Every structure is written in C-alpha cells, then in structure tokens.
Protein backbone atom coordinates (compact mmCIF):
# COMPACT_ATOMS: atom_id res chain seq x y z
CA MET A 1 -4.31 -5.62 -27.43
CA ILE A 2 -6.79 -3.89 -25.16
CA ASN A 3 -10.50 -4.23 -25.87
CA GLU A 4 -13.61 -2.77 -24.24
CA THR A 5 -14.25 -5.91 -22.19
CA ALA A 6 -10.74 -5.79 -20.74
CA LEU A 7 -11.10 -2.08 -19.92
CA SER A 8 -14.33 -2.77 -18.04
CA GLY A 9 -12.41 -5.17 -15.74
CA LEU A 10 -9.74 -2.60 -14.95
CA LYS A 11 -10.00 -1.26 -11.40
CA ILE A 12 -9.31 2.48 -11.16
CA THR A 13 -10.06 4.34 -7.93
CA GLU A 14 -10.51 8.10 -8.10
CA ARG A 15 -9.70 10.01 -4.92
CA ALA A 16 -9.14 13.64 -3.97
CA ASP A 17 -5.36 13.18 -4.33
CA GLY A 18 -5.54 11.53 -7.77
CA VAL A 19 -6.25 8.11 -9.23
CA ILE A 20 -5.00 4.76 -8.05
CA PHE A 21 -4.67 1.64 -10.18
CA SER A 22 -2.63 -1.55 -10.31
CA VAL A 23 0.07 -2.48 -12.79
CA HIS A 24 1.90 -5.71 -13.50
CA VAL A 25 5.47 -4.94 -14.60
CA GLN A 26 7.46 -7.24 -16.85
CA PRO A 27 11.09 -6.06 -16.64
CA ARG A 28 13.87 -6.70 -19.17
CA SER A 29 11.55 -6.42 -22.17
CA SER A 30 12.65 -5.37 -25.63
CA LYS A 31 10.71 -2.08 -25.43
CA ASN A 32 8.61 0.03 -23.08
CA GLU A 33 4.92 -0.49 -23.77
CA ILE A 34 1.49 -1.19 -22.39
CA SER A 35 0.92 -4.79 -23.36
CA GLY A 36 -2.64 -5.26 -22.16
CA ILE A 37 -4.91 -5.82 -19.20
CA GLN A 38 -4.42 -8.76 -16.85
CA GLY A 39 -7.37 -9.11 -14.50
CA GLU A 40 -7.67 -5.74 -12.75
CA GLU A 41 -4.09 -4.72 -13.63
CA ILE A 42 -2.50 -2.91 -16.53
CA ARG A 43 0.38 -4.96 -17.92
CA LEU A 44 3.53 -2.92 -18.62
CA ARG A 45 6.64 -4.14 -20.38
CA LEU A 46 9.75 -2.18 -19.40
CA THR A 47 13.31 -2.42 -20.69
CA SER A 48 15.10 -1.93 -17.38
CA PRO A 49 16.03 -4.81 -15.06
CA PRO A 50 14.49 -5.14 -11.59
CA VAL A 51 17.75 -4.12 -9.92
CA GLU A 52 18.22 -1.29 -7.40
CA GLY A 53 14.88 0.30 -8.24
CA GLU A 54 15.61 0.76 -11.96
CA ALA A 55 12.33 -0.83 -13.06
CA ASN A 56 10.42 1.34 -10.55
CA ARG A 57 12.09 4.51 -11.85
CA LEU A 58 11.30 3.57 -15.44
CA CYS A 59 7.71 2.67 -14.50
CA ILE A 60 7.25 6.15 -13.03
CA GLU A 61 8.90 7.87 -16.01
CA PHE A 62 6.92 5.83 -18.54
CA LEU A 63 3.53 6.44 -16.90
CA ALA A 64 4.30 10.15 -16.42
CA LYS A 65 5.17 10.49 -20.11
CA LEU A 66 2.04 8.63 -21.25
CA LEU A 67 -0.28 10.63 -19.00
CA LYS A 68 1.56 13.92 -19.65
CA VAL A 69 2.12 14.64 -15.95
CA PRO A 70 5.37 15.41 -14.11
CA LYS A 71 7.29 12.44 -12.71
CA SER A 72 6.65 13.84 -9.23
CA ALA A 73 2.91 13.22 -9.79
CA VAL A 74 3.46 9.45 -10.14
CA THR A 75 3.99 7.43 -6.96
CA ILE A 76 4.29 3.70 -6.36
CA VAL A 77 2.22 3.35 -3.20
CA ASN A 78 2.56 -0.40 -2.84
CA GLY A 79 4.68 -3.17 -4.35
CA ASP A 80 8.02 -1.42 -4.83
CA LYS A 81 9.78 -4.82 -4.65
CA SER A 82 7.14 -6.76 -6.57
CA ARG A 83 5.98 -7.02 -10.17
CA HIS A 84 2.48 -6.19 -8.91
CA LYS A 85 2.38 -2.49 -8.04
CA THR A 86 -0.24 0.00 -6.95
CA VAL A 87 0.34 3.39 -8.56
CA ARG A 88 -1.10 6.82 -7.73
CA ILE A 89 -1.23 9.59 -10.33
CA ALA A 90 -1.81 13.00 -8.73
CA GLY A 91 -3.83 15.47 -10.75
CA ALA A 92 -5.32 12.85 -13.06
CA THR A 93 -8.86 11.53 -13.27
CA ALA A 94 -10.12 8.02 -13.90
CA GLN A 95 -11.38 9.27 -17.26
CA ASP A 96 -7.84 10.42 -18.19
CA VAL A 97 -6.44 6.98 -17.41
CA LEU A 98 -9.22 5.10 -19.22
CA ALA A 99 -8.88 7.33 -22.28
CA LEU A 100 -5.14 6.68 -22.44
CA PHE A 101 -5.46 2.92 -22.15
CA ALA A 102 -8.34 2.82 -24.64
CA THR A 103 -6.02 4.37 -27.25
CA CYS A 104 -3.31 1.76 -26.62
CA ARG A 105 -5.03 -0.92 -28.67
C-alpha cells in the first residue's frame, strides 16, 4: 500500500527528455503489480524470471502500459542486470508519475 508519506520519499527527476526514477524489481512474482515504495524506489513485482532480459522487457512493458506511453518511451538507463534499476520515461512529467502511483494504493 502506498501512502502520502511514502510518496513524499520517492525521488523523481524531471528533465527535458522525460522523467527519471528508480525501481526495485522482484521477479518471479504471482502477478505484475506495483507493491509499494521502498526508500526512494518504486517496488514492482513482475511475473517473468530474471533470465535473458525477460524481467527488463516486462518492466518496460508494464510501466508503458501503466503510464499510457509507447514501450519505446520507456528506457532502463541503469541497472539492466540488477533488481535496482533507473528508468526514464520520455514524454512524461513528474506529476504524471506521482498521479499514477498515488492511485495504486
């Protein structure tokens, strides 16, 4: 569950090329979902295993679907082999991202 206090700790950087934020991915989960905020990161549970980039592909697809942007607008800029990833969403604002995560309570 995400509350206002957790959202205030979330670090989202807005730049000219989109927004950047961190996610913590838990692969091999029973369903794809946002499971909360962990420090400055958004915690994602994804069904795919962390094998041959499957979890990265699903992370991109899942975030694109949630934010209603094309998959090409979502880029993992750091952490492609780690559970801790930095993600850039082109064409989105920090307000878009905060609004989405505020509704995922």
